[in-house]
N, C-alpha and C. Protein backbone atom coordinates (compact mmCIF):
# COMPACT_ATOMS: atom_id res chain seq x y z
N MET A 1 -12.76 14.21 -14.84
CA MET A 1 -13.60 14.95 -13.92
C MET A 1 -12.69 15.71 -12.95
N ASP A 2 -13.02 16.94 -12.68
CA ASP A 2 -12.19 17.70 -11.76
C ASP A 2 -12.49 17.29 -10.31
N LYS A 3 -11.53 17.52 -9.42
CA LYS A 3 -11.64 17.08 -8.03
C LYS A 3 -12.83 17.70 -7.30
N LYS A 4 -13.07 18.98 -7.51
CA LYS A 4 -14.16 19.64 -6.81
C LYS A 4 -15.51 19.04 -7.18
N LYS A 5 -15.70 18.78 -8.46
CA LYS A 5 -16.95 18.19 -8.91
C LYS A 5 -17.09 16.77 -8.35
N TYR A 6 -16.01 16.01 -8.36
CA TYR A 6 -16.04 14.66 -7.82
C TYR A 6 -16.42 14.68 -6.34
N ILE A 7 -15.81 15.58 -5.57
CA ILE A 7 -16.09 15.66 -4.14
C ILE A 7 -17.55 16.05 -3.89
N ARG A 8 -18.06 17.01 -4.66
CA ARG A 8 -19.47 17.39 -4.52
C ARG A 8 -20.39 16.19 -4.76
N GLU A 9 -20.12 15.45 -5.82
CA GLU A 9 -20.94 14.28 -6.14
C GLU A 9 -20.78 13.19 -5.09
N LEU A 10 -19.57 12.99 -4.61
CA LEU A 10 -19.31 11.98 -3.59
C LEU A 10 -20.11 12.26 -2.32
N PHE A 11 -20.11 13.51 -1.88
CA PHE A 11 -20.79 13.85 -0.64
C PHE A 11 -22.31 13.91 -0.77
N GLU A 12 -22.83 13.60 -1.95
CA GLU A 12 -24.27 13.42 -2.09
C GLU A 12 -24.70 12.06 -1.55
N VAL A 13 -23.75 11.09 -1.49
CA VAL A 13 -24.09 9.75 -1.02
C VAL A 13 -23.33 9.33 0.24
N VAL A 14 -22.27 10.04 0.59
CA VAL A 14 -21.50 9.71 1.80
C VAL A 14 -21.41 10.95 2.69
N ASP A 15 -20.94 10.72 3.91
CA ASP A 15 -20.71 11.84 4.81
C ASP A 15 -19.45 11.54 5.61
N THR A 16 -19.09 12.42 6.52
CA THR A 16 -17.85 12.26 7.26
C THR A 16 -18.03 11.47 8.55
N SER A 17 -19.21 10.95 8.79
CA SER A 17 -19.44 10.16 10.01
C SER A 17 -19.64 8.68 9.72
N SER A 18 -19.42 8.27 8.48
CA SER A 18 -19.58 6.85 8.13
C SER A 18 -18.86 6.56 6.82
N ILE A 19 -18.72 5.26 6.55
CA ILE A 19 -18.20 4.81 5.26
C ILE A 19 -19.14 3.74 4.71
N LEU A 20 -19.06 3.52 3.43
CA LEU A 20 -19.83 2.45 2.80
C LEU A 20 -18.88 1.30 2.51
N ILE A 21 -19.29 0.08 2.90
CA ILE A 21 -18.48 -1.11 2.65
C ILE A 21 -19.36 -2.19 2.03
N ILE A 22 -18.72 -3.15 1.43
CA ILE A 22 -19.43 -4.34 0.95
C ILE A 22 -19.08 -5.46 1.92
N ASN A 23 -20.12 -6.02 2.58
CA ASN A 23 -19.87 -7.03 3.60
C ASN A 23 -19.66 -8.42 2.98
N MET A 24 -19.49 -9.41 3.84
CA MET A 24 -19.21 -10.79 3.39
C MET A 24 -20.37 -11.38 2.58
N ASP A 25 -21.58 -10.83 2.75
CA ASP A 25 -22.75 -11.31 2.00
C ASP A 25 -22.94 -10.52 0.70
N ASN A 26 -21.91 -9.72 0.34
CA ASN A 26 -21.94 -8.94 -0.89
C ASN A 26 -23.01 -7.85 -0.87
N GLU A 27 -23.31 -7.33 0.34
CA GLU A 27 -24.30 -6.28 0.49
C GLU A 27 -23.59 -4.96 0.82
N LEU A 28 -24.14 -3.88 0.31
CA LEU A 28 -23.62 -2.56 0.63
C LEU A 28 -24.15 -2.14 2.00
N VAL A 29 -23.22 -1.81 2.90
CA VAL A 29 -23.57 -1.50 4.29
C VAL A 29 -22.90 -0.19 4.70
N ARG A 30 -23.62 0.64 5.45
CA ARG A 30 -23.04 1.86 5.99
C ARG A 30 -22.46 1.54 7.36
N LEU A 31 -21.20 1.86 7.56
CA LEU A 31 -20.50 1.62 8.81
C LEU A 31 -20.25 2.97 9.47
N ASN A 32 -20.93 3.20 10.60
CA ASN A 32 -20.84 4.49 11.29
C ASN A 32 -19.62 4.54 12.21
N LEU A 33 -19.15 5.76 12.45
CA LEU A 33 -18.06 5.98 13.39
C LEU A 33 -18.56 5.84 14.82
N PRO A 34 -17.73 5.44 15.74
CA PRO A 34 -16.40 4.89 15.49
C PRO A 34 -16.52 3.44 15.02
N PHE A 35 -15.54 2.98 14.25
CA PHE A 35 -15.50 1.57 13.87
C PHE A 35 -14.10 1.03 14.13
N THR A 36 -14.03 -0.29 14.21
CA THR A 36 -12.80 -0.96 14.62
C THR A 36 -12.02 -1.42 13.40
N VAL A 37 -10.69 -1.26 13.48
CA VAL A 37 -9.81 -1.70 12.41
C VAL A 37 -8.67 -2.53 12.99
N LEU A 38 -8.08 -3.34 12.13
CA LEU A 38 -6.89 -4.10 12.45
C LEU A 38 -5.72 -3.45 11.72
N VAL A 39 -4.66 -3.15 12.45
CA VAL A 39 -3.48 -2.54 11.84
C VAL A 39 -2.74 -3.62 11.05
N VAL A 40 -2.45 -3.37 9.77
CA VAL A 40 -1.77 -4.37 8.93
C VAL A 40 -0.39 -3.93 8.49
N ARG A 41 -0.05 -2.67 8.69
CA ARG A 41 1.29 -2.16 8.38
C ARG A 41 1.79 -1.36 9.56
N GLU A 42 3.08 -1.39 9.78
CA GLU A 42 3.64 -0.60 10.86
C GLU A 42 3.58 0.88 10.51
N VAL A 43 2.99 1.64 11.41
CA VAL A 43 2.90 3.09 11.26
C VAL A 43 3.28 3.70 12.61
N PRO A 44 3.68 4.95 12.63
CA PRO A 44 4.07 5.57 13.90
C PRO A 44 2.96 5.44 14.96
N GLY A 45 3.31 4.85 16.09
CA GLY A 45 2.38 4.72 17.20
C GLY A 45 1.51 3.50 17.17
N LEU A 46 1.52 2.73 16.07
CA LEU A 46 0.70 1.52 15.96
C LEU A 46 1.53 0.40 15.36
N ALA A 47 1.28 -0.83 15.82
CA ALA A 47 2.02 -1.99 15.32
C ALA A 47 1.07 -2.95 14.62
N PRO A 48 1.55 -3.68 13.61
CA PRO A 48 0.72 -4.67 12.95
C PRO A 48 0.12 -5.65 13.97
N GLY A 49 -1.15 -5.97 13.78
CA GLY A 49 -1.84 -6.87 14.69
C GLY A 49 -2.64 -6.16 15.76
N GLU A 50 -2.38 -4.88 15.96
CA GLU A 50 -3.14 -4.10 16.95
C GLU A 50 -4.55 -3.84 16.45
N ILE A 51 -5.48 -3.77 17.38
CA ILE A 51 -6.85 -3.37 17.09
C ILE A 51 -6.98 -1.90 17.50
N ALA A 52 -7.60 -1.10 16.65
CA ALA A 52 -7.73 0.33 16.93
C ALA A 52 -9.13 0.80 16.56
N SER A 53 -9.47 1.99 17.00
CA SER A 53 -10.78 2.57 16.73
C SER A 53 -10.61 3.82 15.86
N VAL A 54 -11.33 3.85 14.75
CA VAL A 54 -11.32 5.02 13.87
C VAL A 54 -12.39 5.97 14.38
N THR A 55 -11.97 7.18 14.73
CA THR A 55 -12.90 8.15 15.30
C THR A 55 -13.32 9.24 14.32
N ALA A 56 -12.60 9.35 13.20
CA ALA A 56 -12.95 10.34 12.17
C ALA A 56 -12.38 9.88 10.84
N ILE A 57 -12.97 10.38 9.77
CA ILE A 57 -12.52 10.06 8.41
C ILE A 57 -12.30 11.38 7.69
N LYS A 58 -11.18 11.50 7.03
CA LYS A 58 -10.85 12.69 6.26
C LYS A 58 -10.45 12.25 4.85
N MET A 59 -10.11 13.21 4.01
CA MET A 59 -9.64 12.91 2.66
C MET A 59 -8.49 13.86 2.34
N ASP A 60 -7.42 13.33 1.75
CA ASP A 60 -6.31 14.21 1.41
C ASP A 60 -6.53 14.85 0.05
N THR A 61 -5.62 15.67 -0.37
CA THR A 61 -5.78 16.40 -1.63
C THR A 61 -5.74 15.51 -2.87
N LYS A 62 -5.26 14.27 -2.70
CA LYS A 62 -5.25 13.31 -3.81
C LYS A 62 -6.48 12.41 -3.76
N LEU A 63 -7.45 12.76 -2.88
CA LEU A 63 -8.71 12.04 -2.72
C LEU A 63 -8.52 10.64 -2.11
N ILE A 64 -7.51 10.48 -1.27
CA ILE A 64 -7.27 9.22 -0.58
C ILE A 64 -7.83 9.35 0.83
N ASP A 65 -8.60 8.34 1.26
CA ASP A 65 -9.19 8.37 2.60
C ASP A 65 -8.12 8.27 3.68
N ILE A 66 -8.37 9.03 4.73
CA ILE A 66 -7.47 9.05 5.89
C ILE A 66 -8.32 8.74 7.12
N TYR A 67 -7.84 7.79 7.93
CA TYR A 67 -8.51 7.45 9.18
C TYR A 67 -7.81 8.18 10.32
N ILE A 68 -8.59 8.71 11.23
CA ILE A 68 -8.05 9.32 12.44
C ILE A 68 -8.15 8.29 13.55
N VAL A 69 -6.99 7.92 14.11
CA VAL A 69 -6.89 6.93 15.18
C VAL A 69 -6.02 7.54 16.27
N HIS A 70 -6.52 7.58 17.49
CA HIS A 70 -5.79 8.20 18.62
C HIS A 70 -5.32 9.61 18.26
N LYS A 71 -6.18 10.36 17.57
CA LYS A 71 -5.92 11.75 17.16
C LYS A 71 -4.79 11.89 16.15
N ASN A 72 -4.36 10.78 15.54
CA ASN A 72 -3.34 10.80 14.50
C ASN A 72 -3.96 10.39 13.17
N ALA A 73 -3.42 10.92 12.07
CA ALA A 73 -3.95 10.64 10.74
C ALA A 73 -3.11 9.57 10.05
N TYR A 74 -3.81 8.57 9.47
CA TYR A 74 -3.16 7.47 8.75
C TYR A 74 -3.96 7.16 7.49
N TYR A 75 -3.26 6.79 6.43
CA TYR A 75 -3.96 6.35 5.22
C TYR A 75 -4.72 5.06 5.51
N TYR A 76 -5.88 4.93 4.87
CA TYR A 76 -6.78 3.80 5.10
C TYR A 76 -6.11 2.46 4.81
N TYR A 77 -5.17 2.42 3.87
CA TYR A 77 -4.58 1.14 3.45
C TYR A 77 -3.65 0.53 4.48
N ASN A 78 -3.45 1.20 5.60
CA ASN A 78 -2.68 0.63 6.70
C ASN A 78 -3.53 -0.25 7.61
N PHE A 79 -4.82 -0.38 7.28
CA PHE A 79 -5.77 -1.09 8.14
C PHE A 79 -6.69 -1.97 7.32
N VAL A 80 -7.31 -2.93 7.99
CA VAL A 80 -8.48 -3.62 7.45
C VAL A 80 -9.60 -3.44 8.46
N ILE A 81 -10.79 -3.33 7.97
CA ILE A 81 -11.94 -3.14 8.86
C ILE A 81 -12.18 -4.44 9.61
N TYR A 82 -12.39 -4.31 10.89
CA TYR A 82 -12.56 -5.46 11.80
C TYR A 82 -14.02 -5.53 12.22
N LEU A 83 -14.76 -6.46 11.61
CA LEU A 83 -16.20 -6.58 11.94
C LEU A 83 -16.44 -7.65 12.95
């Protein structure tokens, strides 16, 4: 599937103001911005163990989610969602 078609189909069920997660009860839940994350890898400006707030969600050209934290962009895999 080409990227453009995938993105069109993706945005039929998601938007840029929330993400879909599966919670501890195995239910699909929409998590609206801003949401809280725990930093799990050292990245510029953030240390592991810090709690941060995601204020925006973007996607890079390889279709990897990017979280905006303190106006800086980081790949999603540097965090775990903190519920």
